[in-house]
Every structure is written in C-alpha cells, then in structure tokens.
C-alpha cells in the first residue's frame, strides 16, 4: 500500500488564494494523503474558505508564526511522509507522487524540496512576475543535492527523519529554513528538484517584497557568519551582485561631488561588473520574456540587491552588538 502522506499547510491571512492551494492538493494523482491545515489566527476569511470546502481546520492558540503552525500540524499528522506546503502555492498534480517516489528510491535522501513554476499562480503585478521568475531560476540552477538554506514552501520529509531533525524553531521567524536545512543536511542528502513543483502567489507589492528581502537577509546573517556553509555564500553570485550594486550606488554621487565628468566612468564600470555577475540569469530572462519585461527585471534586481546589501549590513551590526540576537542562533547540541 502507498504510504500515507500528510500535507501540512500553515496559513495566515491567505484566504484569497487558500482555495486554489487546497483544490490543487485534492487534485493530486497520489491516492493516499491527508490534508492538515493549520490556521495561525487569521483575521481574514481563511477559516471560512476551508470550512466551505469541507477541510478541517486546526488553530494555533495565538499568532505565533509559520514554524509554530507547522509544528502543530506535525503533532496531528498521521502520515509516513510529511509534505510541508505553504498556503500560497498550488501544486502540480503529480508533485506529491514525484516526491514520494524520490524518497522511496534512496534511503539516503532525507528531504525533497520543490521548485516554483516560472509563471505565478495569479498574474496581477510586475513585482510578482519578477519575484516568481527570479526564484524559479535560482532553484533551477541549484537543482540536485543542496546544503544549508532550504526552500521550505514545498518540502517532503519522511516522518521518521523528522523525528530526528525536527521541530521547526519558532523563534527563528523568516530563517527557519536555514536552521532545519542545517540539521537535515548533517545527517541526510537533501534534493532540490523541479519534478516537484507548484505555482506560487508571491508578493505583489514592492513595499512588502523589499521588506521581506531586507528582513530575511538580516536574520540569515548569523548562519552565514558562524555555520559551515558560510564559505559557499561568501563569493557566491548573490553576494557578489549585492556588493557590486552597493558600490555602484555609493559611487553615483562622485561626478557631482567632484565636478569631474570622467569620474562617471567609475559607477558605470561597477554597474557593468554588477550585470556580469548574473549574466546567465539575464540571458535566461531575455530569452523567456519580452525585452520590456527583461529590462524591468534588471532594474528590479538592482533594487533588490541594494536591499540585500542593506539587510546584510544591519544583520552584521546586530550580530556584533546584540547578545540577544546572537543567542537566538546558538546551535543546539546534536
């Protein structure tokens, strides 16, 4: 008999897209699954949406974040495989079946992470188009065994493995993927694959998107500074692009401050070097979308990289000056 899969869906105020998420789970080709929906004290119509579809809803006692909701879902799950799924993702019909097959094929695999489709679930803004395509591309080029930070919006883990590496750490909001990823990859192989995929309803607002980028960068700094996979982050395309973007922005005033026209060459050269860091991604975007959107993508990515640089700067400052911040990231004994 096929192992039971518990699809654990944490939710907070995603009522507008929750129905699409639940419909996609119900449409899975895999026959033996249960839905464990955990609402984290939503203030919208999320509970009503689920109830109208006949999906039981577990509720957290108070709004505690996605890690708290996932942990509550694990407590009520009966499956042999835990499939963690964000409530703003609609899975491809074969996603669960593909994940179960990969886990069953090799006992060394402790988790299977999925990718996003290139096209968002609901196409309502250019910001969402950018965010979705950017993440799709980076997950695509990172496919295979991965270390450190895990994409956790779509991730399947055998229950026996989760008993070793869980739970989600509630205090690490926005960085729980790095924490769990470290524990998982210490013991098992973790695979990122587009064979397990879904359409994501990413942020549609520039303000919300940049705030998340800033916060997530800031709270990931401790992992990059003290953990073993830091060497893979320093010097990576992401860090190189952020540094080049910051230097470009910092040197833009030089021609105006000096009055020397030739000094404009400096920010221009830095911007060219910035484009060079992600040249393969830009080729991918120009090949897959219109030229107008690709130019928008380049501009958005520059702004995002400036935000990453700012988040990293603040995170490093907090790490150096705040004991309470450092205490959150003390690694527990194995």
Protein backbone atom coordinates (compact mmCIF):
# COMPACT_ATOMS: atom_id res chain seq x y z
CA UNK A 1 0.00 0.00 0.00
CA UNK A 2 1.18 3.52 -0.74
CA UNK A 3 2.46 5.30 2.38
CA UNK A 4 0.14 7.91 3.84
CA UNK A 5 1.29 11.46 3.12
CA UNK A 6 0.28 14.28 5.46
CA UNK A 7 0.17 17.56 3.55
CA UNK A 8 0.74 20.14 6.30
CA UNK A 9 -0.40 23.63 5.29
CA UNK A 10 0.30 26.56 7.64
CA UNK A 11 -1.84 29.60 6.86
CA UNK A 12 -2.12 33.20 7.96
CA UNK A 13 -4.41 35.57 6.05
CA UNK A 14 -4.10 33.85 2.68
CA UNK A 15 -7.83 33.30 2.31
CA UNK A 16 -7.82 34.87 -1.15
CA UNK A 17 -5.61 32.07 -2.51
CA UNK A 18 -6.15 29.25 0.01
CA UNK A 19 -8.93 27.71 -2.07
CA UNK A 20 -6.57 27.29 -5.02
CA UNK A 21 -3.99 25.66 -2.76
CA UNK A 22 -6.50 23.18 -1.31
CA UNK A 23 -8.02 22.37 -4.71
CA UNK A 24 -4.58 21.54 -6.06
CA UNK A 25 -3.89 19.19 -3.15
CA UNK A 26 -7.20 17.44 -3.72
CA UNK A 27 -6.32 17.06 -7.41
CA UNK A 28 -3.08 15.14 -6.70
CA UNK A 29 -2.56 11.91 -8.60
CA UNK A 30 -1.15 10.35 -5.43
CA UNK A 31 -4.03 8.41 -3.86
CA UNK A 32 -3.19 8.20 -0.17
CA UNK A 33 -2.92 11.59 1.50
CA UNK A 34 -4.50 13.71 4.21
CA UNK A 35 -4.72 17.49 4.49
CA UNK A 36 -3.60 19.02 7.79
CA UNK A 37 -4.48 22.71 7.60
CA UNK A 38 -3.28 24.88 10.48
CA UNK A 39 -4.60 28.43 10.69
CA UNK A 40 -2.39 30.83 12.66
CA UNK A 41 -5.20 33.11 13.94
CA UNK A 42 -6.05 34.63 10.58
CA UNK A 43 -8.12 37.81 10.56
CA UNK A 44 -9.47 37.26 7.04
CA UNK A 45 -11.88 34.63 5.67
CA UNK A 46 -9.32 31.78 5.60
CA UNK A 47 -11.23 29.55 8.01
CA UNK A 48 -14.49 30.13 6.17
CA UNK A 49 -12.85 29.24 2.85
CA UNK A 50 -11.52 25.94 4.22
CA UNK A 51 -14.75 25.10 6.01
CA UNK A 52 -16.79 25.69 2.86
CA UNK A 53 -14.54 23.17 1.09
CA UNK A 54 -15.02 20.62 3.86
CA UNK A 55 -11.40 20.84 5.05
CA UNK A 56 -10.96 20.60 8.84
CA UNK A 57 -9.01 23.48 10.38
CA UNK A 58 -6.61 23.32 13.30
CA UNK A 59 -5.96 26.65 15.00
CA UNK A 60 -2.97 27.91 16.96
CA UNK A 61 -3.87 29.43 20.35
CA UNK A 62 -2.33 32.73 19.24
CA UNK A 63 -0.49 34.06 16.22
CA UNK A 64 2.97 32.55 16.56
CA UNK A 65 4.37 32.33 13.05
CA UNK A 66 4.77 29.67 10.41
CA UNK A 67 7.08 27.45 12.49
CA UNK A 68 4.52 27.21 15.31
CA UNK A 69 1.78 26.34 12.82
CA UNK A 70 3.89 23.68 11.12
CA UNK A 71 4.81 22.11 14.46
CA UNK A 72 1.13 21.90 15.43
CA UNK A 73 0.43 20.25 12.09
CA UNK A 74 3.13 17.65 12.74
CA UNK A 75 1.52 16.82 16.10
CA UNK A 76 -1.76 15.96 14.35
CA UNK A 77 -0.31 14.31 11.24
CA UNK A 78 -0.75 10.55 10.81
CA UNK A 79 1.34 10.10 7.68
CA UNK A 80 4.56 8.26 6.95
CA UNK A 81 5.69 11.29 4.95
CA UNK A 82 5.25 14.93 5.98
CA UNK A 83 4.73 17.22 3.00
CA UNK A 84 5.07 20.84 4.15
CA UNK A 85 3.29 23.21 1.77
CA UNK A 86 2.77 26.97 2.02
CA UNK A 87 -0.82 28.11 1.59
CA UNK A 88 0.02 30.42 -1.33
CA UNK A 89 1.25 27.55 -3.54
CA UNK A 90 -0.87 25.39 -5.88
CA UNK A 91 0.92 22.10 -6.52
CA UNK A 92 1.26 20.47 -9.92
CA UNK A 93 -0.94 17.33 -10.00
CA UNK A 94 1.99 14.90 -9.76
CA UNK A 95 4.01 16.80 -7.12
CA UNK A 96 3.27 14.53 -4.16
CA UNK A 97 3.72 11.36 -6.24
CA UNK A 98 7.11 12.56 -7.51
CA UNK A 99 8.32 13.44 -4.01
CA UNK A 100 7.25 10.09 -2.55
CA UNK A 101 8.93 8.20 -5.41
CA UNK A 102 12.22 10.05 -4.88
CA UNK A 103 12.19 9.41 -1.13
CA UNK A 104 11.39 5.73 -1.65
CA UNK A 105 14.13 5.30 -4.26
CA UNK A 106 17.04 6.18 -1.97
CA UNK A 107 17.08 5.91 1.85
CA UNK A 108 19.96 8.40 1.96
CA UNK A 109 17.55 11.15 0.88
CA UNK A 110 16.08 12.85 3.93
CA UNK A 111 14.06 15.52 2.16
CA UNK A 112 12.88 16.59 -1.27
CA UNK A 113 12.40 20.30 -1.95
CA UNK A 114 10.31 21.56 -4.85
CA UNK A 115 10.62 24.47 -7.24
CA UNK A 116 8.17 27.16 -8.30
CA UNK A 117 6.77 27.34 -11.81
CA UNK A 118 8.11 30.29 -13.82
CA UNK A 119 4.60 31.78 -14.05
CA UNK A 120 2.88 33.00 -10.84
CA UNK A 121 -0.37 31.50 -9.63
CA UNK A 122 -2.24 34.79 -10.10
CA UNK A 123 -0.69 37.26 -12.54
CA UNK A 124 -1.64 40.61 -11.03
CA UNK A 125 1.61 42.63 -10.83
CA UNK A 126 5.05 43.00 -12.38
CA UNK A 127 6.61 42.71 -8.92
CA UNK A 128 5.10 39.24 -8.56
CA UNK A 129 6.28 38.28 -12.06
CA UNK A 130 9.82 39.34 -11.15
CA UNK A 131 9.84 37.59 -7.77
CA UNK A 132 8.49 34.34 -9.16
CA UNK A 133 10.81 34.19 -12.17
CA UNK A 134 13.85 35.08 -10.07
CA UNK A 135 13.23 32.31 -7.53
CA UNK A 136 12.34 29.81 -10.25
CA UNK A 137 15.65 30.49 -11.98
CA UNK A 138 17.84 30.17 -8.88
CA UNK A 139 16.13 27.00 -7.74
CA UNK A 140 16.51 25.64 -11.28
CA UNK A 141 20.27 26.20 -11.42
CA UNK A 142 20.67 24.84 -7.87
CA UNK A 143 18.89 21.54 -8.62
CA UNK A 144 20.38 18.41 -7.13
CA UNK A 145 21.88 17.87 -3.66
CA UNK A 146 21.86 21.09 -1.64
CA UNK A 147 23.31 22.29 1.66
CA UNK A 148 22.39 24.96 4.17
CA UNK A 149 19.33 27.08 3.46
CA UNK A 150 16.39 25.05 2.16
CA UNK A 151 13.40 26.26 0.12
CA UNK A 152 10.67 25.16 2.53
CA UNK A 153 7.47 26.25 0.76
CA UNK A 154 7.36 22.78 -0.87
CA UNK A 155 9.28 20.11 1.04
CA UNK A 156 8.64 16.43 1.73
CA UNK A 157 10.31 14.66 4.67
CA UNK A 158 9.76 11.10 5.94
CA UNK A 159 8.18 11.20 9.40
CA UNK A 160 10.99 9.04 10.79
CA UNK A 161 13.55 11.57 9.54
CA UNK A 162 11.59 14.46 11.00
CA UNK A 163 11.64 12.73 14.39
CA UNK A 164 15.44 13.10 14.25
CA UNK A 165 15.76 16.65 12.89
CA UNK A 166 12.59 18.47 13.99
CA UNK A 167 10.92 20.55 15.19
CA UNK A 168 10.83 23.92 13.46
CA UNK A 169 12.39 26.57 15.70
CA UNK A 170 9.62 29.05 16.50
CA UNK A 171 11.97 31.90 17.43
CA UNK A 172 13.68 31.89 14.02
CA UNK A 173 10.99 33.64 12.01
CA UNK A 174 11.99 34.10 8.35
CA UNK A 175 15.10 31.92 8.81
CA UNK A 176 13.63 28.58 9.87
CA UNK A 177 14.67 27.06 6.52
CA UNK A 178 18.37 27.57 7.23
CA UNK A 179 18.02 26.11 10.72
CA UNK A 180 16.19 22.97 9.59
CA UNK A 181 18.37 22.73 6.50
CA UNK A 182 21.50 22.54 8.60
CA UNK A 183 20.08 19.76 10.78
CA UNK A 184 18.83 17.81 7.78
CA UNK A 185 22.00 18.02 5.71
CA UNK A 186 24.17 16.96 8.64
CA UNK A 187 22.51 13.55 8.51
CA UNK A 188 20.94 13.09 5.08
CA UNK A 189 21.07 14.12 1.46
CA UNK A 190 18.54 16.79 0.51
CA UNK A 191 17.42 17.11 -3.10
CA UNK A 192 16.04 20.19 -4.84
CA UNK A 193 14.10 19.30 -7.98
CA UNK A 194 11.67 20.82 -10.47
CA UNK A 195 9.98 17.43 -10.77
CA UNK A 196 8.17 18.55 -7.60
CA UNK A 197 6.70 21.93 -8.36
CA UNK A 198 3.88 24.37 -7.83
CA UNK A 199 2.64 27.79 -8.89
CA UNK A 200 3.39 30.42 -6.28
CA UNK A 201 1.39 33.54 -5.44
CA UNK A 202 4.41 35.66 -4.50
CA UNK A 203 4.37 39.22 -3.16
CA UNK A 204 2.54 41.64 -5.44
CA UNK A 205 3.60 44.83 -3.65
CA UNK A 206 7.08 46.35 -3.95
CA UNK A 207 7.00 47.55 -0.34
CA UNK A 208 6.13 44.10 1.01
CA UNK A 209 8.66 42.35 -1.24
CA UNK A 210 11.54 44.63 -0.25
CA UNK A 211 10.66 44.41 3.44
CA UNK A 212 10.81 40.62 3.24
CA UNK A 213 14.11 40.68 1.35
CA UNK A 214 15.63 43.02 3.93
CA UNK A 215 14.36 41.02 6.92
CA UNK A 216 15.30 37.62 5.54
CA UNK A 217 18.80 38.81 4.68
CA UNK A 218 19.26 40.33 8.12
CA UNK A 219 18.16 37.22 10.02
CA UNK A 220 20.21 34.87 7.83
CA UNK A 221 23.47 36.71 8.55
CA UNK A 222 24.23 34.62 11.70
CA UNK A 223 24.08 31.40 9.68
CA UNK A 224 26.47 32.81 7.11
CA UNK A 225 28.88 34.06 9.78
CA UNK A 226 29.11 31.03 12.04
CA UNK A 227 27.98 27.94 10.17
CA UNK A 228 29.90 25.60 7.92
CA UNK A 229 28.22 26.55 4.68
CA UNK A 230 29.24 30.21 5.04
CA UNK A 231 32.11 29.53 2.64
CA UNK A 232 29.60 28.71 -0.04
CA UNK A 233 27.81 32.02 0.45
CA UNK A 234 30.76 34.39 0.57
CA UNK A 235 31.80 34.88 -3.04
CA UNK A 236 28.56 33.44 -4.43
CA UNK A 237 26.77 35.23 -7.31
CA UNK A 238 24.16 36.59 -4.87
CA UNK A 239 26.71 38.17 -2.53
CA UNK A 240 28.84 39.41 -5.43
CA UNK A 241 25.87 41.09 -7.12
CA UNK A 242 24.79 42.77 -3.87
CA UNK A 243 28.29 44.11 -3.25
CA UNK A 244 28.59 45.40 -6.83
CA UNK A 245 25.16 47.05 -6.61
CA UNK A 246 26.05 48.75 -3.33
CA UNK A 247 29.36 50.04 -4.72
CA UNK A 248 27.61 51.29 -7.86
CA UNK A 249 25.06 53.23 -5.80
CA UNK A 250 27.76 54.58 -3.47
CA UNK A 251 29.83 55.98 -6.35
CA UNK A 252 26.95 57.57 -8.29
CA UNK A 253 27.36 60.96 -6.50
CA UNK A 254 31.11 61.12 -7.21
CA UNK A 255 30.85 63.04 -10.54
CA UNK A 256 28.54 65.61 -8.93
CA UNK A 257 30.70 65.99 -5.83
CA UNK A 258 33.97 66.34 -7.73
CA UNK A 259 32.69 68.16 -10.78
CA UNK A 260 34.86 65.88 -12.91
CA UNK A 261 32.91 64.30 -15.76
CA UNK A 262 35.42 61.50 -16.25
CA UNK A 263 34.68 60.12 -12.76
CA UNK A 264 31.32 58.93 -14.12
CA UNK A 265 33.29 56.04 -15.57
CA UNK A 266 33.64 54.51 -12.09
CA UNK A 267 29.93 53.83 -11.36
CA UNK A 268 29.49 52.80 -14.99
CA UNK A 269 32.24 50.19 -14.74
CA UNK A 270 30.85 48.96 -11.43
CA UNK A 271 27.38 48.63 -12.93
CA UNK A 272 28.78 46.65 -15.86
CA UNK A 273 30.54 44.35 -13.39
CA UNK A 274 27.25 44.05 -11.48
CA UNK A 275 25.48 42.91 -14.66
CA UNK A 276 28.28 40.46 -15.36
CA UNK A 277 27.78 38.62 -12.08
CA UNK A 278 24.26 37.49 -13.08
CA UNK A 279 24.74 37.47 -16.85
CA UNK A 280 23.42 33.90 -17.22
CA UNK A 281 20.23 34.80 -15.35
CA UNK A 282 19.70 37.87 -17.53
CA UNK A 283 20.17 35.76 -20.67
CA UNK A 284 17.55 33.37 -19.31
CA UNK A 285 15.10 36.22 -18.65
CA UNK A 286 15.61 37.88 -22.06
CA UNK A 287 15.14 34.50 -23.75
CA UNK A 288 11.94 33.64 -21.88
CA UNK A 289 10.15 37.00 -21.64
CA UNK A 290 9.71 40.21 -23.63
CA UNK A 291 12.54 42.72 -23.87
CA UNK A 292 10.45 45.29 -21.96
CA UNK A 293 9.89 42.93 -19.05
CA UNK A 294 13.55 41.85 -19.09
CA UNK A 295 14.64 45.49 -18.70
CA UNK A 296 12.18 45.87 -15.83
CA UNK A 297 13.63 42.68 -14.32
CA UNK A 298 17.16 44.13 -14.46
CA UNK A 299 16.03 47.33 -12.71
CA UNK A 300 14.10 45.41 -10.04
CA UNK A 301 17.00 43.09 -9.41
CA UNK A 302 19.33 46.05 -8.88
CA UNK A 303 16.93 47.46 -6.28
CA UNK A 304 16.63 44.05 -4.59
CA UNK A 305 20.40 43.69 -4.43
CA UNK A 306 20.69 47.11 -2.77
CA UNK A 307 18.14 45.90 -0.23
CA UNK A 308 20.14 42.69 0.35
CA UNK A 309 23.26 44.76 0.96
CA UNK A 310 21.40 46.91 3.48
CA UNK A 311 19.96 43.86 5.24
CA UNK A 312 23.39 42.21 5.45
CA UNK A 313 24.92 45.38 6.88
CA UNK A 314 22.28 45.66 9.60
CA UNK A 315 22.49 41.93 10.34
CA UNK A 316 26.26 42.07 10.80
CA UNK A 317 25.88 45.09 13.09
CA UNK A 318 23.27 43.26 15.19
CA UNK A 319 25.47 40.18 15.40
CA UNK A 320 28.39 42.26 16.65
CA UNK A 321 26.44 44.39 19.14
CA UNK A 322 23.42 42.41 20.35
CA UNK A 323 23.75 39.45 22.70
CA UNK A 324 20.05 38.68 22.45
CA UNK A 325 20.32 38.49 18.65
CA UNK A 326 23.29 36.13 18.85
CA UNK A 327 21.55 34.00 21.48
CA UNK A 328 18.79 33.13 19.01
CA UNK A 329 21.31 31.38 16.80
CA UNK A 330 23.24 29.33 19.35
CA UNK A 331 23.44 25.89 17.83
CA UNK A 332 21.88 23.20 19.99
CA UNK A 333 23.95 20.04 20.67
CA UNK A 334 23.26 17.23 18.22
